């Protein structure tokens, strides 16, 4: 493309002269150059569109590379660090969406302005302020049953790095009246006698690592909690199993007791009798004592040379977690159920 100029001279008294036309040679575009590059406020999971200005012919497809920096850097340091071949980019489009890994860090954008004929200009670099975390929220809050007397509350956290979340448990009547359970502030809850004929609700209040608190979300209520059905621990015959002899049936029902501390009723204590190999007695006592089980009686099993009979009292609702050979959690049950098994 060229420029044509037509010039017609006029004298002061208005007399018109002969027009003259001049035409330039082909106009060449200027060297491609980025005159402005600004990164706006960046927030987790929100698209970032930089503000830029181009000069030098018609703009073509420029090259964009986003980098993550742990500290604010001077221009000379950014050129040395991010224009080298070994720099690892986190994005290569004009638009970038920060992730959780970017929260608290700085985003650096390197733009190589390019003319539509493919000629590149000098790179332009800009750095953002620290990436802001999203507000803490929680979704999919629910309750899962671990055993007949234990529940666990769960939820999916979102919004920056997770901090010390606040958990709560509630009792709900059939009429829908709820009341908070004092002292229940962990994800696992063990049922007490006060929960019978109520439903349980789990509350999850998300807290970000910088102590910003999100909105409390409640789970759906569980089914109504009822006392466990009575179970026979052992049923056996006493007597000779011979025609004409008398057989008696003997049942053994777990002996359940309660402890009181400062007038407050604690969880139920169950008496359990087990038989173990003699070489395992020491290890068994040590492991059970760590789970608040107490040995009340111990002695040899009649008619056996390597078996020991132990009578213990243990929390009916204390939990143990069994692991598979790879160390992963397999299942959870009460200490009493585990001993009986």
Foldseek 3Di string as FASTA:
>chain_A
DKDKDKDWDADPVGDTDDIDMDIDDDDAWAAKDKPDWAWDAAAAQDKTAIDTDIGTAAWADKKKFKAWAQDDDDPVVCCVAPVDPPGDGPDIDNMDHHHLVQANIKMKMWIFTAHNVGRTDDIDMDIDDRYHKAAKDWDPWAWDDQELFKIFIDIHIGIHAFAPKWKWKWWAAPVGDIDTDPPPTHRMDGHAPVQARTWMKMKIWTAHNVGRIHDIDIYDTDPGRHDDDWDWLDWDWDWDPDPPIDIDIDTHGWDWDWDDDPNHIDAIKTKDKAKDFQVCVVVVQVVVVVQVKDWDDKDADPPDDGMMMTIIIHGQGGKDFDADPVRDTDGIHGPRVVRSD
